[in-house]
Amino acid sequence: MSAGQLAVRRGPGPKTLLHHTRRGLWTIGAWVATLVFVLPALWAVLTSFHPEIDAIRNPPSVTAPLTVAHYAELLTGDLVGPMINSLTAAMVSTVAVLVLAIPAAYALSVKPVPKWRDVMFFFLSTKMMPAVAGLLPMYLIIKSLGGLDNVWVLAILYLAANLPLGIWMLRSFLGEIPRELMEAAALDGAGLITMIRRVILPLTYPGIAATALISFIFAWNEFLFALNLTATRAYTSPVYLIGFLSGQRLFLAHLCAASCLVSLPVLIAGYAAQDKLVQGLSLGAVK
């Protein structure tokens, strides 16, 4: 009998069994972690279709009657205004971040300016101070300028908050572009604008998509400035959601429905850009 036949009859060795055991444990752990994060979201979706009296039952009832009344009331009621405010502030700030971050990242990576490391550290240092520490002076300045309860002021603040992150991300993406391509484009007579439009932007599109999506998510979910700098006209979706925290009436199902609607634009944007997002986040990680 050959050695190979003996190995087959004896079965896998202890190292192989240990490898399969570890792999199985990692798989089980991944599924448990997924369920921990996904089940509350699924339960919130299910609760949003229940009447309020059934939504607060303990233990909860899965077989309770379903209704779309909460969604109909929200879509025809006062959620539309905050959603428009959130979309306006997030979209305007995201576009402005890209418009300013792309040339800044180009200057810091492709054509480095003197002391570019100091410039990058300065951008990073703006994220070191907690936002709440600058809330009071920001409030006083904006109040003196008459900018309270203004969605365009929120867009400017979100731009200032996300611009350092956008520059850091895009600089790492632009740094991966082969210099030979840009040198060849320069030899062919391409100017700066042409080089950026026809060489740099197509190669860094995944990174630009990742930067845009992250900036949009941060702006969409921002709560502190929106809560303290808006009142009745420019308040955003996160501020709208806390209005359901009341001890005088049952709002659990209504809150779940509003949360699902508020989360929908981010989920749609992430799903639409998932391929570019994965490419962009992995760009520059492996050479």
Protein backbone atom coordinates (compact mmCIF):
# COMPACT_ATOMS: atom_id res chain seq x y z
CA MET A 1 0.00 0.00 0.00
CA SER A 2 1.40 3.37 -0.97
CA ALA A 3 2.06 6.25 1.44
CA GLY A 4 -0.65 8.33 -0.23
CA GLN A 5 -3.27 5.62 0.35
CA LEU A 6 -2.24 5.38 4.00
CA ALA A 7 -2.63 9.16 4.40
CA VAL A 8 -6.11 9.01 2.90
CA ARG A 9 -7.17 6.21 5.24
CA ARG A 10 -5.73 7.91 8.30
CA GLY A 11 -7.69 11.12 7.57
CA PRO A 12 -6.59 14.71 8.09
CA GLY A 13 -3.79 15.45 10.52
CA PRO A 14 -4.07 17.54 13.71
CA LYS A 15 -2.86 20.72 11.98
CA THR A 16 -5.56 20.40 9.33
CA LEU A 17 -8.23 19.82 11.98
CA LEU A 18 -7.00 22.83 13.96
CA HIS A 19 -7.10 24.97 10.81
CA HIS A 20 -10.66 23.92 10.00
CA THR A 21 -11.72 24.46 13.62
CA ARG A 22 -10.32 27.99 13.68
CA ARG A 23 -11.90 28.73 10.33
CA GLY A 24 -15.27 27.48 11.57
CA LEU A 25 -15.04 29.56 14.74
CA TRP A 26 -14.19 32.70 12.74
CA THR A 27 -17.15 32.01 10.46
CA ILE A 28 -19.51 31.57 13.40
CA GLY A 29 -18.15 34.73 15.02
CA ALA A 30 -18.66 36.70 11.81
CA TRP A 31 -22.27 35.52 11.56
CA VAL A 32 -22.93 36.38 15.22
CA ALA A 33 -21.46 39.88 14.75
CA THR A 34 -23.55 40.36 11.62
CA LEU A 35 -26.73 39.34 13.42
CA VAL A 36 -25.93 41.66 16.33
CA PHE A 37 -25.79 44.63 13.96
CA VAL A 38 -28.49 43.60 11.48
CA LEU A 39 -31.25 42.27 13.74
CA PRO A 40 -31.97 45.63 15.50
CA ALA A 41 -32.27 47.32 12.11
CA LEU A 42 -34.61 44.59 10.83
CA TRP A 43 -36.65 44.81 14.02
CA ALA A 44 -36.96 48.59 13.59
CA VAL A 45 -38.22 48.08 10.03
CA LEU A 46 -40.79 45.54 11.24
CA THR A 47 -41.86 47.79 14.13
CA SER A 48 -42.39 50.70 11.73
CA PHE A 49 -45.24 48.75 10.11
CA HIS A 50 -47.01 48.00 13.42
CA PRO A 51 -49.65 50.13 15.13
CA GLU A 52 -48.34 52.01 18.17
CA ILE A 53 -50.23 49.81 20.62
CA ASP A 54 -48.59 46.68 19.19
CA ALA A 55 -45.14 48.26 18.86
CA ILE A 56 -44.75 48.69 22.64
CA ARG A 57 -45.87 45.22 23.65
CA ASN A 58 -43.53 43.26 25.90
CA PRO A 59 -42.73 40.67 24.75
CA PRO A 60 -43.04 42.02 21.20
CA SER A 61 -45.43 40.36 18.79
CA VAL A 62 -44.17 39.36 15.36
CA THR A 63 -47.65 38.48 14.15
CA ALA A 64 -49.18 41.89 14.95
CA PRO A 65 -51.16 43.52 12.12
CA LEU A 66 -49.19 45.61 9.65
CA THR A 67 -49.96 49.11 8.44
CA VAL A 68 -48.30 51.77 6.26
CA ALA A 69 -50.11 54.63 8.00
CA HIS A 70 -46.92 55.88 9.65
CA TYR A 71 -45.10 56.17 6.34
CA ALA A 72 -48.06 57.85 4.68
CA GLU A 73 -48.30 60.38 7.50
CA LEU A 74 -44.58 61.14 7.39
CA LEU A 75 -44.36 61.48 3.60
CA THR A 76 -47.33 63.81 3.52
CA GLY A 77 -46.46 65.62 6.72
CA ASP A 78 -43.58 67.49 8.30
CA LEU A 79 -40.71 65.11 7.48
CA VAL A 80 -40.34 66.42 3.94
CA GLY A 81 -38.89 69.77 5.04
CA PRO A 82 -36.12 68.34 7.25
CA MET A 83 -35.25 65.79 4.56
CA ILE A 84 -34.87 68.58 1.99
CA ASN A 85 -32.72 70.57 4.43
CA SER A 86 -30.48 67.56 5.09
CA LEU A 87 -30.18 66.80 1.39
CA THR A 88 -29.37 70.42 0.55
CA ALA A 89 -26.71 70.80 3.23
CA ALA A 90 -25.14 67.40 2.53
CA MET A 91 -25.10 67.74 -1.27
CA VAL A 92 -23.82 71.33 -1.33
CA SER A 93 -21.08 70.62 1.23
CA THR A 94 -20.03 67.40 -0.54
CA VAL A 95 -19.71 69.11 -3.94
CA ALA A 96 -17.78 71.97 -2.34
CA VAL A 97 -15.46 69.51 -0.58
CA LEU A 98 -14.61 67.86 -3.91
CA VAL A 99 -14.15 71.18 -5.72
CA LEU A 100 -11.68 72.41 -3.09
CA ALA A 101 -10.05 69.12 -2.08
CA ILE A 102 -9.06 67.92 -5.57
CA PRO A 103 -6.77 70.88 -6.43
CA ALA A 104 -5.46 70.97 -2.85
CA ALA A 105 -4.61 67.26 -2.97
CA TYR A 106 -2.99 67.76 -6.36
CA ALA A 107 -0.79 70.52 -4.96
CA LEU A 108 0.17 68.36 -1.96
CA SER A 109 0.89 65.10 -3.80
CA VAL A 110 1.55 65.52 -7.52
CA LYS A 111 3.21 68.94 -7.30
CA PRO A 112 4.22 69.19 -3.63
CA VAL A 113 4.42 72.70 -2.26
CA PRO A 114 7.20 73.68 0.18
CA LYS A 115 6.62 72.31 3.71
CA TRP A 116 3.69 70.24 2.54
CA ARG A 117 3.99 68.07 5.64
CA ASP A 118 3.28 71.10 7.81
CA VAL A 119 0.25 71.86 5.67
CA MET A 120 -1.07 68.30 6.06
CA PHE A 121 -0.52 68.44 9.81
CA PHE A 122 -2.43 71.72 9.95
CA PHE A 123 -5.39 70.10 8.18
CA LEU A 124 -5.21 67.17 10.58
CA SER A 125 -4.98 69.44 13.63
CA THR A 126 -8.35 71.00 12.79
CA LYS A 127 -9.96 67.64 13.63
CA MET A 128 -8.30 67.36 17.04
CA MET A 129 -10.56 69.80 18.88
CA PRO A 130 -14.00 68.42 19.82
CA ALA A 131 -16.81 70.09 17.93
CA VAL A 132 -18.62 70.93 21.16
CA ALA A 133 -15.63 73.04 22.26
CA GLY A 134 -16.17 75.40 19.35
CA LEU A 135 -19.94 75.42 19.52
CA LEU A 136 -20.37 78.51 21.73
CA PRO A 137 -18.03 80.84 19.81
CA MET A 138 -19.45 79.52 16.55
CA TYR A 139 -22.97 80.24 17.79
CA LEU A 140 -22.07 83.80 18.83
CA ILE A 141 -20.34 84.56 15.53
CA ILE A 142 -23.18 83.18 13.43
CA LYS A 143 -25.77 84.98 15.57
CA SER A 144 -23.95 88.30 15.13
CA LEU A 145 -23.95 87.75 11.36
CA GLY A 146 -27.66 86.88 11.32
CA GLY A 147 -27.04 83.33 10.08
CA LEU A 148 -28.99 81.29 12.61
CA ASP A 149 -31.59 78.88 11.28
CA ASN A 150 -30.06 78.96 7.79
CA VAL A 151 -29.38 75.76 5.83
CA TRP A 152 -26.59 77.42 3.82
CA VAL A 153 -24.70 78.16 7.03
CA LEU A 154 -24.93 74.46 7.86
CA ALA A 155 -23.54 73.61 4.43
CA ILE A 156 -20.55 75.92 5.06
CA LEU A 157 -19.92 74.35 8.47
CA TYR A 158 -20.11 70.85 7.01
CA LEU A 159 -17.68 71.93 4.30
CA ALA A 160 -15.22 73.16 6.91
CA ALA A 161 -15.61 69.96 8.94
CA ASN A 162 -15.18 67.52 6.02
CA LEU A 163 -12.60 69.37 3.91
CA PRO A 164 -9.53 68.18 5.90
CA LEU A 165 -10.69 64.58 5.63
CA GLY A 166 -11.34 64.99 1.91
CA ILE A 167 -7.87 66.42 1.31
CA TRP A 168 -6.18 63.63 3.24
CA MET A 169 -8.10 60.93 1.38
CA LEU A 170 -7.64 62.41 -2.09
CA ARG A 171 -3.96 63.05 -1.50
CA SER A 172 -3.38 59.34 -0.86
CA PHE A 173 -5.32 58.47 -4.02
CA LEU A 174 -3.50 60.99 -6.20
CA GLY A 175 -0.17 59.80 -4.85
CA GLU A 176 -0.75 56.40 -6.47
CA ILE A 177 -0.97 57.77 -10.02
CA PRO A 178 2.16 56.82 -12.01
CA ARG A 179 4.26 59.91 -12.66
CA GLU A 180 5.07 58.57 -16.12
CA LEU A 181 1.47 59.12 -17.24
CA MET A 182 1.51 62.75 -16.20
CA GLU A 183 4.94 63.28 -17.76
CA ALA A 184 3.70 61.75 -21.02
CA ALA A 185 0.63 64.00 -20.95
CA ALA A 186 2.85 67.04 -20.33
CA LEU A 187 5.07 66.06 -23.28
CA ASP A 188 1.96 65.88 -25.46
CA GLY A 189 1.20 69.48 -24.57
CA ALA A 190 -1.49 68.95 -21.95
CA GLY A 191 -1.94 71.87 -19.61
CA LEU A 192 -2.85 71.66 -15.93
CA ILE A 193 -6.62 71.72 -16.46
CA THR A 194 -6.44 69.19 -19.29
CA MET A 195 -4.19 66.90 -17.25
CA ILE A 196 -6.54 67.00 -14.28
CA ARG A 197 -9.64 66.47 -16.42
CA ARG A 198 -8.35 63.76 -18.77
CA VAL A 199 -5.62 61.97 -16.80
CA ILE A 200 -6.00 62.45 -13.06
CA LEU A 201 -9.77 62.45 -12.58
CA PRO A 202 -10.46 59.23 -14.58
CA LEU A 203 -7.76 57.36 -12.65
CA THR A 204 -8.90 58.60 -9.24
CA TYR A 205 -12.65 58.30 -9.84
CA PRO A 206 -13.04 55.45 -7.29
CA GLY A 207 -11.22 57.54 -4.69
CA ILE A 208 -13.33 60.58 -5.50
CA ALA A 209 -16.48 58.48 -5.15
CA ALA A 210 -15.33 57.15 -1.77
CA THR A 211 -14.48 60.65 -0.55
CA ALA A 212 -17.82 62.02 -1.75
CA LEU A 213 -19.80 59.23 -0.08
CA ILE A 214 -18.02 59.59 3.26
CA SER A 215 -18.42 63.37 3.21
CA PHE A 216 -22.11 62.99 2.36
CA ILE A 217 -22.67 60.50 5.20
CA PHE A 218 -20.91 62.69 7.75
CA ALA A 219 -22.89 65.74 6.66
CA TRP A 220 -26.19 63.84 6.56
CA ASN A 221 -25.72 62.42 10.08
CA GLU A 222 -24.40 65.62 11.71
CA PHE A 223 -26.44 66.47 14.77
CA LEU A 224 -24.68 68.91 17.13
CA PHE A 225 -24.56 72.03 14.94
CA ALA A 226 -27.94 71.30 13.38
CA LEU A 227 -29.52 71.05 16.82
CA ASN A 228 -28.04 74.26 18.22
CA LEU A 229 -27.90 76.51 15.15
CA THR A 230 -31.36 75.86 13.68
CA ALA A 231 -34.90 76.39 14.91
CA THR A 232 -37.95 76.00 12.68
CA ARG A 233 -36.81 76.53 9.08
CA ALA A 234 -33.44 74.80 8.63
CA TYR A 235 -33.57 71.91 11.10
CA THR A 236 -32.41 68.63 9.59
CA SER A 237 -33.56 65.03 9.76
CA PRO A 238 -31.53 64.00 12.86
CA VAL A 239 -33.00 66.95 14.75
CA TYR A 240 -36.47 65.98 13.56
CA LEU A 241 -36.06 62.47 14.99
CA ILE A 242 -35.52 63.63 18.58
CA GLY A 243 -38.95 65.27 18.47
CA PHE A 244 -40.45 61.80 19.01
CA LEU A 245 -38.81 61.44 22.44
CA SER A 246 -41.81 62.29 24.58
CA GLY A 247 -43.38 60.90 27.72
CA GLN A 248 -46.87 62.05 26.82
CA ARG A 249 -47.61 59.87 23.81
CA LEU A 250 -46.55 56.61 22.17
CA PHE A 251 -44.21 57.28 19.25
CA LEU A 252 -42.14 54.08 18.92
CA ALA A 253 -43.57 52.85 15.61
CA HIS A 254 -43.63 56.40 14.22
CA LEU A 255 -40.00 56.89 15.26
CA CYS A 256 -38.96 53.62 13.60
CA ALA A 257 -40.71 54.64 10.38
CA ALA A 258 -39.03 58.06 10.41
CA SER A 259 -35.64 56.46 11.11
CA CYS A 260 -36.06 54.11 8.16
CA LEU A 261 -36.92 57.00 5.84
CA VAL A 262 -34.04 59.13 7.10
CA SER A 263 -31.60 56.24 6.60
CA LEU A 264 -32.85 55.53 3.08
CA PRO A 265 -30.81 58.19 1.14
CA VAL A 266 -27.54 57.02 2.70
CA LEU A 267 -28.36 53.38 1.96
CA ILE A 268 -29.23 54.21 -1.65
CA ALA A 269 -26.05 56.24 -2.11
CA GLY A 270 -23.93 53.49 -0.58
CA TYR A 271 -25.54 50.78 -2.68
CA ALA A 272 -25.18 52.80 -5.89
CA ALA A 273 -21.50 53.52 -5.22
CA GLN A 274 -20.50 50.26 -3.53
CA ASP A 275 -18.15 49.10 -6.29
CA LYS A 276 -16.40 52.46 -6.51
CA LEU A 277 -16.35 52.71 -2.73
CA VAL A 278 -14.53 49.39 -2.31
CA GLN A 279 -12.05 50.30 -5.05
CA GLY A 280 -11.51 53.75 -3.59
CA LEU A 281 -11.00 52.59 0.00
CA SER A 282 -8.55 49.90 -1.16
CA LEU A 283 -6.71 52.27 -3.53
CA GLY A 284 -3.29 52.97 -2.12
CA ALA A 285 -3.53 50.23 0.50
CA VAL A 286 -1.50 47.73 -1.57
CA LYS A 287 1.19 48.64 -4.03
